[in-house]
Protein backbone atom coordinates (compact mmCIF):
# COMPACT_ATOMS: atom_id res chain seq x y z
CA MET A 1 20.77 -9.02 70.03
CA ILE A 2 22.19 -5.70 68.80
CA ALA A 3 24.15 -7.49 66.03
CA LYS A 4 20.94 -9.22 64.82
CA THR A 5 19.10 -5.87 64.79
CA LYS A 6 21.89 -4.19 62.80
CA THR A 7 21.95 -7.09 60.34
CA ALA A 8 18.17 -6.96 59.95
CA LEU A 9 18.27 -3.19 59.38
CA ALA A 10 21.08 -3.51 56.82
CA LEU A 11 19.18 -6.23 54.98
CA ALA A 12 15.95 -4.20 55.01
CA SER A 13 17.83 -1.16 53.67
CA LEU A 14 19.32 -3.19 50.83
CA LEU A 15 15.92 -4.62 49.92
CA ALA A 16 14.34 -1.17 49.93
CA LEU A 17 17.14 0.19 47.74
CA ALA A 18 16.79 -2.67 45.25
CA ALA A 19 13.03 -2.08 45.08
CA THR A 20 13.47 1.60 44.21
CA PRO A 21 12.56 1.85 40.49
CA ALA A 22 15.22 4.41 39.64
CA LEU A 23 17.97 2.28 41.13
CA ALA A 24 16.75 -1.26 40.59
CA ASP A 25 18.00 -3.35 37.67
CA THR A 26 14.95 -3.33 35.41
CA GLY A 27 16.58 -5.23 32.56
CA CYS A 28 16.14 -2.13 30.41
CA VAL A 29 18.24 -2.06 27.27
CA LYS A 30 18.86 1.49 26.08
CA LEU A 31 21.18 2.23 23.18
CA ASP A 32 23.40 5.28 22.96
CA GLN A 33 22.95 7.64 19.98
CA ALA A 34 25.74 6.06 17.89
CA ALA A 35 24.37 2.53 18.30
CA ALA A 36 20.82 3.74 17.64
CA LYS A 37 21.98 5.48 14.43
CA GLY A 38 23.79 2.29 13.43
CA LEU A 39 20.50 0.36 13.34
CA PHE A 40 19.26 2.50 10.45
CA ASP A 41 22.62 2.49 8.69
CA LYS A 42 22.74 -1.33 8.61
CA TRP A 43 19.21 -1.46 7.17
CA ALA A 44 20.04 1.17 4.53
CA ALA A 45 23.21 -0.70 3.53
CA ALA A 46 21.09 -3.78 2.71
CA LEU A 47 18.89 -1.93 0.19
CA PRO A 48 21.18 -1.89 -2.85
CA GLY A 49 22.00 -5.59 -2.44
CA HIS A 50 19.11 -6.83 -4.63
CA ASN A 51 18.11 -9.22 -1.84
CA ALA A 52 14.62 -8.72 -0.39
CA ASP A 53 15.18 -11.41 2.24
CA LEU A 54 18.23 -9.54 3.54
CA VAL A 55 16.13 -6.37 3.90
CA LEU A 56 13.21 -8.28 5.43
CA ALA A 57 15.54 -9.83 8.03
CA PHE A 58 15.69 -6.41 9.75
CA TYR A 59 11.93 -6.53 10.45
CA ALA A 60 10.22 -8.25 13.39
CA ASP A 61 7.43 -10.72 12.78
CA GLY A 62 4.12 -8.86 12.93
CA HIS A 63 5.63 -5.49 11.99
CA SER A 64 3.80 -2.91 9.92
CA PHE A 65 5.25 -1.20 6.88
CA LYS A 66 3.64 1.71 5.06
CA PRO A 67 5.56 2.34 1.83
CA HIS A 68 5.69 5.72 0.10
CA ASP A 69 3.47 4.53 -2.76
CA ARG A 70 0.65 2.96 -0.73
CA ASP A 71 -2.23 4.47 1.21
CA ALA A 72 -2.30 1.77 3.86
CA ALA A 73 0.30 -0.19 5.79
CA LEU A 74 1.25 -3.69 4.77
CA THR A 75 1.17 -6.16 7.63
CA GLU A 76 1.32 -9.59 5.96
CA ARG A 77 4.94 -10.73 5.66
CA THR A 78 4.53 -12.22 2.17
CA ALA A 79 3.09 -8.95 0.82
CA ILE A 80 5.92 -7.02 2.45
CA ARG A 81 8.51 -9.39 0.96
CA ASP A 82 6.92 -8.97 -2.48
CA TYR A 83 7.11 -5.19 -2.09
CA TRP A 84 10.79 -5.31 -1.11
CA THR A 85 11.57 -7.72 -3.98
CA ASP A 86 10.28 -5.17 -6.49
CA PHE A 87 11.88 -2.25 -4.64
CA VAL A 88 15.42 -3.63 -4.34
CA ASP A 89 15.39 -4.60 -8.01
CA GLY A 90 15.41 -0.85 -8.74
CA THR A 91 18.82 -0.47 -7.00
CA PRO A 92 17.61 2.08 -4.44
CA ARG A 93 19.75 4.61 -2.62
CA VAL A 94 18.59 6.41 0.50
CA THR A 95 19.97 9.82 1.46
CA LEU A 96 18.99 11.27 4.81
CA GLY A 97 18.07 14.86 5.46
CA GLU A 98 17.22 16.13 8.93
CA THR A 99 16.59 13.24 11.36
CA THR A 100 15.84 12.67 15.01
CA VAL A 101 16.76 9.60 17.02
CA THR A 102 15.00 8.84 20.29
CA ALA A 103 16.27 5.94 22.37
CA ASP A 104 14.29 4.63 25.28
CA CYS A 105 14.05 1.43 27.25
CA GLY A 106 14.02 -1.36 24.65
CA LYS A 107 12.98 0.99 21.82
CA VAL A 108 14.58 3.31 19.28
CA VAL A 109 12.66 5.60 16.93
CA LYS A 110 14.40 7.27 14.03
CA SER A 111 12.37 9.79 12.08
CA GLY A 112 12.92 12.63 9.69
CA VAL A 113 13.26 13.32 5.99
CA LYS A 114 14.91 11.13 3.37
CA THR A 115 15.33 11.07 -0.36
CA ILE A 116 14.87 7.73 -2.06
CA ALA A 117 16.43 7.34 -5.50
CA VAL A 118 15.10 4.23 -7.24
CA GLY A 119 14.54 3.26 -10.86
CA GLY A 120 15.41 6.72 -12.19
CA GLU A 121 12.91 8.36 -9.83
CA GLU A 122 13.69 10.49 -6.77
CA ILE A 123 11.19 10.63 -3.92
CA ARG A 124 11.47 13.03 -0.99
CA ALA A 125 9.59 11.69 2.00
CA THR A 126 9.17 11.82 5.75
CA PHE A 127 9.76 8.58 7.58
CA ALA A 128 9.56 6.92 10.96
CA MET A 129 11.21 3.64 11.87
CA GLU A 130 10.68 2.04 15.24
CA PHE A 131 13.15 -0.60 16.39
CA ALA A 132 12.58 -2.83 19.42
CA ASP A 133 14.96 -5.06 21.36
CA ASN A 134 14.02 -8.66 20.66
CA GLY A 135 16.23 -10.64 23.03
CA GLY A 136 19.37 -8.72 22.08
CA THR A 137 18.51 -8.35 18.39
CA TRP A 138 17.07 -4.99 17.39
CA LEU A 139 14.32 -5.35 14.79
CA ILE A 140 11.99 -2.91 13.05
CA THR A 141 8.45 -3.10 14.42
CA ARG A 142 6.98 -0.12 12.55
CA HIS A 143 8.12 1.66 9.39
CA GLU A 144 6.21 4.44 7.66
CA ILE A 145 7.21 6.48 4.62
CA THR A 146 5.05 9.41 3.49
CA PRO A 147 5.87 11.33 0.31
CA MET A 148 6.29 15.08 0.64
CA ALA A 149 4.67 17.49 -1.79
CA ASN A 150 7.17 18.86 -4.28
């Protein structure tokens, strides 16, 4: 009888421990700072490749993208592809200024200041890119670029 009671108590303790949110396996995927930074770097490396589909592959279906030269976000994938087709044809280069990376459960947000050199023009802008874990593949779900006053 005592052995059954001890076993029942041990089992109850294990179940209670597993149910504790701070200690339970929640399936949360959280990247370290280096991996989170790498998401942006891979995207930026695709820009000068003159391949809009390669750039678009970093974006989740249903994402929103607000370019520096538009007042409203683009949400239709064909319109976004058309934008990137024109943009990558200008052989863009992106140089980062001050940035912040925040990594949380299944989400990374990189924001800050960047300079975009494209087609002989240089644009200084603030930006925010939100990446989300999509079954082990991190994709951009929101991307906003806002020009800064000179």
